[in-house]
Amino acid sequence: VQLQAFGGGLVQTGGSLRLSCATSGRISKVYSVGWFRQTPGKQREMVAIITDDTAEGTHYADDVKGRFTIARDIADQTIYLQMNNLKPDDTATYFCRVTDVANVYWGQGTLVTVSS
């Protein structure tokens, strides 16, 4: 199983970006899909995660609620993160993650830089 994240880049404060994570390989039963981010010297933190396809199964970090939206296309095996009203504090490397019952799969990361 491989995950490839892309869509990062340089954007001004208030701008938008859409990250994509393409998955390949067979995952028997997906438990969760999500996006995390990390800055140098800090721990990787959860940004958004889907544990099931209900409103209650989608969770966001407090500082991205109302600005970021996670979605997945099961047929295309792709996970998305729409990021609006970006702030300099959103600058980080963003990683996608998929879990099944026994495994955790990570993408390679895509850098998002928000200029002030």
N, C-alpha and C. Protein backbone atom coordinates (compact mmCIF):
# COMPACT_ATOMS: atom_id res chain seq x y z
N VAL A 1 0.84 -1.19 0.00
CA VAL A 1 0.00 0.00 0.00
C VAL A 1 0.88 1.24 0.00
N GLN A 2 0.57 2.18 -0.89
CA GLN A 2 1.33 3.43 -0.95
C GLN A 2 0.37 4.61 -0.96
N LEU A 3 0.78 5.66 -0.28
CA LEU A 3 0.02 6.89 -0.26
C LEU A 3 0.91 7.99 -0.83
N GLN A 4 0.37 8.78 -1.72
CA GLN A 4 1.13 9.89 -2.30
C GLN A 4 0.33 11.17 -2.14
N ALA A 5 0.88 12.08 -1.35
CA ALA A 5 0.21 13.36 -1.09
C ALA A 5 0.80 14.44 -2.00
N PHE A 6 -0.05 15.31 -2.49
CA PHE A 6 0.41 16.43 -3.30
C PHE A 6 -0.60 17.57 -3.20
N GLY A 7 -0.20 18.72 -3.72
CA GLY A 7 -1.07 19.89 -3.70
C GLY A 7 -0.57 21.01 -2.82
N GLY A 8 0.51 20.78 -2.08
CA GLY A 8 1.05 21.84 -1.25
C GLY A 8 1.69 22.94 -2.09
N GLY A 9 2.06 24.01 -1.42
CA GLY A 9 2.69 25.11 -2.12
C GLY A 9 2.72 26.35 -1.26
N LEU A 10 3.04 27.46 -1.91
CA LEU A 10 3.11 28.76 -1.24
C LEU A 10 1.83 29.54 -1.53
N VAL A 11 1.22 30.06 -0.48
CA VAL A 11 -0.02 30.82 -0.64
C VAL A 11 -0.01 31.98 0.35
N GLN A 12 -0.70 33.03 0.01
CA GLN A 12 -0.80 34.17 0.92
C GLN A 12 -1.86 33.94 1.98
N THR A 13 -1.74 34.66 3.06
CA THR A 13 -2.76 34.61 4.11
C THR A 13 -4.13 34.88 3.51
N GLY A 14 -5.10 34.03 3.91
CA GLY A 14 -6.44 34.16 3.38
C GLY A 14 -6.70 33.33 2.14
N GLY A 15 -5.66 32.78 1.58
CA GLY A 15 -5.80 31.97 0.37
C GLY A 15 -6.27 30.56 0.65
N SER A 16 -6.35 29.78 -0.41
CA SER A 16 -6.84 28.41 -0.31
C SER A 16 -5.90 27.45 -1.03
N LEU A 17 -5.91 26.22 -0.57
CA LEU A 17 -5.20 25.13 -1.23
C LEU A 17 -6.04 23.87 -1.06
N ARG A 18 -5.88 22.97 -1.99
CA ARG A 18 -6.52 21.67 -1.88
C ARG A 18 -5.46 20.59 -1.96
N LEU A 19 -5.34 19.83 -0.90
CA LEU A 19 -4.41 18.72 -0.87
C LEU A 19 -5.12 17.45 -1.31
N SER A 20 -4.37 16.60 -1.98
CA SER A 20 -4.90 15.30 -2.39
C SER A 20 -3.95 14.21 -1.92
N CYS A 21 -4.51 13.06 -1.67
CA CYS A 21 -3.71 11.90 -1.27
C CYS A 21 -4.23 10.70 -2.04
N ALA A 22 -3.43 10.25 -2.98
CA ALA A 22 -3.82 9.10 -3.79
C ALA A 22 -3.28 7.82 -3.15
N THR A 23 -4.14 6.84 -3.01
CA THR A 23 -3.73 5.58 -2.40
C THR A 23 -3.71 4.49 -3.46
N SER A 24 -2.76 3.61 -3.34
CA SER A 24 -2.68 2.46 -4.24
C SER A 24 -2.42 1.21 -3.42
N GLY A 25 -2.85 0.12 -3.95
CA GLY A 25 -2.76 -1.12 -3.20
C GLY A 25 -4.07 -1.42 -2.51
N ARG A 26 -4.17 -2.60 -1.99
CA ARG A 26 -5.43 -3.05 -1.42
C ARG A 26 -5.39 -2.96 0.10
N ILE A 27 -6.35 -2.24 0.63
CA ILE A 27 -6.52 -2.17 2.08
C ILE A 27 -7.80 -2.91 2.40
N SER A 28 -7.69 -3.92 3.23
CA SER A 28 -8.82 -4.83 3.43
C SER A 28 -10.03 -4.13 4.02
N LYS A 29 -9.84 -3.42 5.08
CA LYS A 29 -10.96 -2.71 5.70
C LYS A 29 -10.43 -1.43 6.32
N VAL A 30 -10.72 -0.32 5.68
CA VAL A 30 -10.23 0.97 6.16
C VAL A 30 -10.92 1.33 7.47
N TYR A 31 -10.11 1.69 8.44
CA TYR A 31 -10.66 2.13 9.72
C TYR A 31 -10.78 3.64 9.78
N SER A 32 -9.75 4.32 9.29
CA SER A 32 -9.80 5.78 9.28
C SER A 32 -8.92 6.33 8.17
N VAL A 33 -9.27 7.54 7.73
CA VAL A 33 -8.41 8.29 6.81
C VAL A 33 -8.27 9.68 7.39
N GLY A 34 -7.11 10.27 7.25
CA GLY A 34 -6.93 11.57 7.87
C GLY A 34 -5.73 12.33 7.35
N TRP A 35 -5.67 13.56 7.78
CA TRP A 35 -4.55 14.45 7.50
C TRP A 35 -3.93 14.91 8.81
N PHE A 36 -2.62 14.95 8.81
CA PHE A 36 -1.85 15.41 9.95
C PHE A 36 -0.86 16.45 9.45
N ARG A 37 -0.29 17.21 10.35
CA ARG A 37 0.74 18.17 9.94
C ARG A 37 1.82 18.25 11.01
N GLN A 38 2.98 18.70 10.55
CA GLN A 38 4.13 18.76 11.44
C GLN A 38 5.04 19.91 11.03
N THR A 39 5.53 20.62 12.05
CA THR A 39 6.53 21.66 11.84
C THR A 39 7.81 21.22 12.54
N PRO A 40 8.96 21.75 12.12
CA PRO A 40 10.23 21.32 12.72
C PRO A 40 10.25 21.47 14.24
N GLY A 41 10.68 20.44 14.92
CA GLY A 41 10.79 20.48 16.36
C GLY A 41 9.51 20.20 17.12
N LYS A 42 8.43 19.96 16.39
CA LYS A 42 7.15 19.69 17.04
C LYS A 42 6.62 18.33 16.64
N GLN A 43 5.71 17.83 17.46
CA GLN A 43 5.10 16.54 17.17
C GLN A 43 4.07 16.69 16.05
N ARG A 44 3.89 15.61 15.34
CA ARG A 44 2.87 15.59 14.31
C ARG A 44 1.50 15.66 14.98
N GLU A 45 0.62 16.48 14.42
CA GLU A 45 -0.68 16.67 15.04
C GLU A 45 -1.79 16.38 14.03
N MET A 46 -2.91 15.93 14.56
CA MET A 46 -4.06 15.65 13.72
C MET A 46 -4.69 16.95 13.25
N VAL A 47 -5.03 16.99 11.98
CA VAL A 47 -5.74 18.13 11.40
C VAL A 47 -7.20 17.77 11.17
N ALA A 48 -7.42 16.65 10.51
CA ALA A 48 -8.78 16.21 10.21
C ALA A 48 -8.76 14.71 9.99
N ILE A 49 -9.83 14.05 10.41
CA ILE A 49 -9.87 12.60 10.30
C ILE A 49 -11.30 12.14 10.10
N ILE A 50 -11.45 11.10 9.29
CA ILE A 50 -12.75 10.47 9.07
C ILE A 50 -12.65 9.05 9.60
N THR A 51 -13.54 8.69 10.51
CA THR A 51 -13.58 7.33 11.03
C THR A 51 -14.78 6.56 10.48
N ASP A 52 -15.81 7.26 10.09
CA ASP A 52 -16.91 6.64 9.36
C ASP A 52 -17.62 7.73 8.58
N ASP A 53 -18.49 7.33 7.69
CA ASP A 53 -19.11 8.29 6.77
C ASP A 53 -20.37 8.93 7.34
N THR A 54 -20.28 9.34 8.57
CA THR A 54 -21.38 10.10 9.17
C THR A 54 -20.81 11.43 9.65
N ALA A 55 -21.67 12.36 9.94
CA ALA A 55 -21.20 13.66 10.44
C ALA A 55 -20.43 13.48 11.74
N GLU A 56 -20.87 12.51 12.54
CA GLU A 56 -20.20 12.27 13.82
C GLU A 56 -18.85 11.59 13.65
N GLY A 57 -18.61 11.06 12.46
CA GLY A 57 -17.37 10.34 12.23
C GLY A 57 -16.27 11.19 11.64
N THR A 58 -16.51 12.49 11.54
CA THR A 58 -15.51 13.40 11.02
C THR A 58 -15.09 14.36 12.12
N HIS A 59 -13.79 14.50 12.29
CA HIS A 59 -13.28 15.32 13.39
C HIS A 59 -12.21 16.27 12.87
N TYR A 60 -12.20 17.45 13.44
CA TYR A 60 -11.22 18.46 13.06
C TYR A 60 -10.50 19.00 14.30
N ALA A 61 -9.27 19.39 14.10
CA ALA A 61 -8.58 20.13 15.15
C ALA A 61 -9.31 21.46 15.35
N ASP A 62 -9.30 21.95 16.56
CA ASP A 62 -10.07 23.16 16.87
C ASP A 62 -9.65 24.34 16.01
N ASP A 63 -8.37 24.46 15.72
CA ASP A 63 -7.92 25.66 15.01
C ASP A 63 -8.14 25.61 13.51
N VAL A 64 -8.71 24.52 13.00
CA VAL A 64 -9.03 24.48 11.57
C VAL A 64 -10.52 24.34 11.32
N LYS A 65 -11.30 24.17 12.37
CA LYS A 65 -12.75 24.03 12.20
C LYS A 65 -13.33 25.25 11.48
N GLY A 66 -14.18 24.97 10.52
CA GLY A 66 -14.79 26.05 9.76
C GLY A 66 -13.94 26.54 8.60
N ARG A 67 -12.69 26.12 8.53
CA ARG A 67 -11.80 26.54 7.45
C ARG A 67 -11.37 25.37 6.56
N PHE A 68 -11.18 24.21 7.16
CA PHE A 68 -10.71 23.03 6.44
C PHE A 68 -11.84 22.03 6.30
N THR A 69 -11.83 21.28 5.20
CA THR A 69 -12.81 20.22 4.99
C THR A 69 -12.11 18.99 4.45
N ILE A 70 -12.32 17.88 5.11
CA ILE A 70 -11.76 16.60 4.65
C ILE A 70 -12.84 15.84 3.89
N ALA A 71 -12.42 15.16 2.86
CA ALA A 71 -13.36 14.35 2.08
C ALA A 71 -12.59 13.18 1.49
N ARG A 72 -13.33 12.16 1.12
CA ARG A 72 -12.67 11.03 0.46
C ARG A 72 -13.55 10.53 -0.67
N ASP A 73 -12.89 10.08 -1.71
CA ASP A 73 -13.55 9.46 -2.84
C ASP A 73 -13.16 8.00 -2.81
N ILE A 74 -14.10 7.16 -2.40
CA ILE A 74 -13.78 5.74 -2.23
C ILE A 74 -13.46 5.09 -3.57
N ALA A 75 -14.20 5.45 -4.61
CA ALA A 75 -13.98 4.84 -5.92
C ALA A 75 -12.58 5.16 -6.45
N ASP A 76 -12.13 6.40 -6.27
CA ASP A 76 -10.82 6.81 -6.76
C ASP A 76 -9.71 6.58 -5.73
N GLN A 77 -10.10 6.13 -4.56
CA GLN A 77 -9.12 5.90 -3.47
C GLN A 77 -8.28 7.14 -3.21
N THR A 78 -8.95 8.25 -3.10
CA THR A 78 -8.27 9.52 -2.89
C THR A 78 -8.87 10.24 -1.69
N ILE A 79 -8.01 10.87 -0.93
CA ILE A 79 -8.44 11.66 0.23
C ILE A 79 -8.08 13.11 -0.07
N TYR A 80 -8.98 14.01 0.30
CA TYR A 80 -8.77 15.42 0.02
C TYR A 80 -8.79 16.24 1.31
N LEU A 81 -8.13 17.36 1.25
CA LEU A 81 -8.22 18.34 2.33
C LEU A 81 -8.32 19.72 1.68
N GLN A 82 -9.50 20.29 1.74
CA GLN A 82 -9.71 21.64 1.24
C GLN A 82 -9.41 22.61 2.37
N MET A 83 -8.48 23.50 2.12
CA MET A 83 -8.04 24.45 3.15
C MET A 83 -8.35 25.86 2.68
N ASN A 84 -9.21 26.54 3.40
CA ASN A 84 -9.59 27.90 3.07
C ASN A 84 -9.15 28.86 4.17
N ASN A 85 -9.09 30.13 3.84
CA ASN A 85 -8.72 31.17 4.81
C ASN A 85 -7.45 30.78 5.55
N LEU A 86 -6.43 30.42 4.80
CA LEU A 86 -5.20 29.95 5.41
C LEU A 86 -4.49 31.04 6.18
N LYS A 87 -3.83 30.62 7.25
CA LYS A 87 -3.10 31.53 8.13
C LYS A 87 -1.64 31.12 8.20
N PRO A 88 -0.75 32.04 8.57
CA PRO A 88 0.66 31.66 8.69
C PRO A 88 0.89 30.47 9.63
N ASP A 89 0.07 30.34 10.67
CA ASP A 89 0.21 29.21 11.60
C ASP A 89 -0.14 27.88 10.96
N ASP A 90 -0.73 27.88 9.78
CA ASP A 90 -1.02 26.64 9.07
C ASP A 90 0.20 26.13 8.31
N THR A 91 1.27 26.91 8.28
CA THR A 91 2.49 26.48 7.60
C THR A 91 3.03 25.22 8.25
N ALA A 92 3.19 24.17 7.45
CA ALA A 92 3.64 22.88 7.96
C ALA A 92 3.78 21.91 6.79
N THR A 93 4.35 20.76 7.09
CA THR A 93 4.30 19.65 6.14
C THR A 93 3.08 18.82 6.50
N TYR A 94 2.26 18.56 5.52
CA TYR A 94 1.01 17.84 5.71
C TYR A 94 1.15 16.40 5.23
N PHE A 95 0.68 15.49 6.06
CA PHE A 95 0.77 14.06 5.77
C PHE A 95 -0.63 13.45 5.77
N CYS A 96 -0.86 12.57 4.83
CA CYS A 96 -2.09 11.80 4.87
C CYS A 96 -1.81 10.46 5.54
N ARG A 97 -2.85 9.91 6.12
CA ARG A 97 -2.71 8.64 6.84
C ARG A 97 -3.95 7.81 6.64
N VAL A 98 -3.75 6.54 6.46
CA VAL A 98 -4.85 5.57 6.38
C VAL A 98 -4.54 4.45 7.35
N THR A 99 -5.55 4.04 8.08
CA THR A 99 -5.37 2.91 8.98
C THR A 99 -6.38 1.82 8.65
N ASP A 100 -5.97 0.58 8.86
CA ASP A 100 -6.92 -0.52 8.87
C ASP A 100 -6.80 -1.19 10.24
N VAL A 101 -7.29 -2.37 10.36
CA VAL A 101 -7.34 -3.01 11.68
C VAL A 101 -5.94 -3.18 12.27
N ALA A 102 -4.96 -3.46 11.40
CA ALA A 102 -3.65 -3.82 11.93
C ALA A 102 -2.52 -2.90 11.48
N ASN A 103 -2.78 -1.98 10.55
CA ASN A 103 -1.68 -1.22 9.96
C ASN A 103 -1.97 0.28 9.93
N VAL A 104 -0.88 1.03 9.90
CA VAL A 104 -0.96 2.48 9.72
C VAL A 104 -0.09 2.84 8.51
N TYR A 105 -0.68 3.50 7.54
CA TYR A 105 0.02 3.86 6.31
C TYR A 105 0.11 5.39 6.23
N TRP A 106 1.32 5.89 5.92
CA TRP A 106 1.56 7.33 5.82
C TRP A 106 1.99 7.71 4.40
N GLY A 107 1.56 8.86 3.98
CA GLY A 107 2.08 9.45 2.76
C GLY A 107 3.39 10.16 3.06
N GLN A 108 4.03 10.68 2.03
CA GLN A 108 5.38 11.24 2.18
C GLN A 108 5.37 12.69 2.64
N GLY A 109 4.24 13.34 2.65
CA GLY A 109 4.19 14.73 3.11
C GLY A 109 4.25 15.71 1.97
N THR A 110 3.51 16.79 2.12
CA THR A 110 3.55 17.88 1.15
C THR A 110 3.59 19.19 1.93
N LEU A 111 4.48 20.07 1.53
CA LEU A 111 4.74 21.29 2.30
C LEU A 111 3.76 22.40 1.92
N VAL A 112 3.16 22.98 2.94
CA VAL A 112 2.28 24.13 2.77
C VAL A 112 2.93 25.32 3.48
N THR A 113 3.11 26.40 2.76
CA THR A 113 3.70 27.60 3.32
C THR A 113 2.73 28.76 3.12
N VAL A 114 2.36 29.40 4.21
CA VAL A 114 1.42 30.51 4.15
C VAL A 114 2.18 31.78 4.52
N SER A 115 2.27 32.70 3.59
CA SER A 115 3.00 33.95 3.83
C SER A 115 2.07 35.00 4.42
N SER A 116 2.64 35.83 5.27
CA SER A 116 1.83 36.87 5.92
C SER A 116 1.83 38.15 5.09
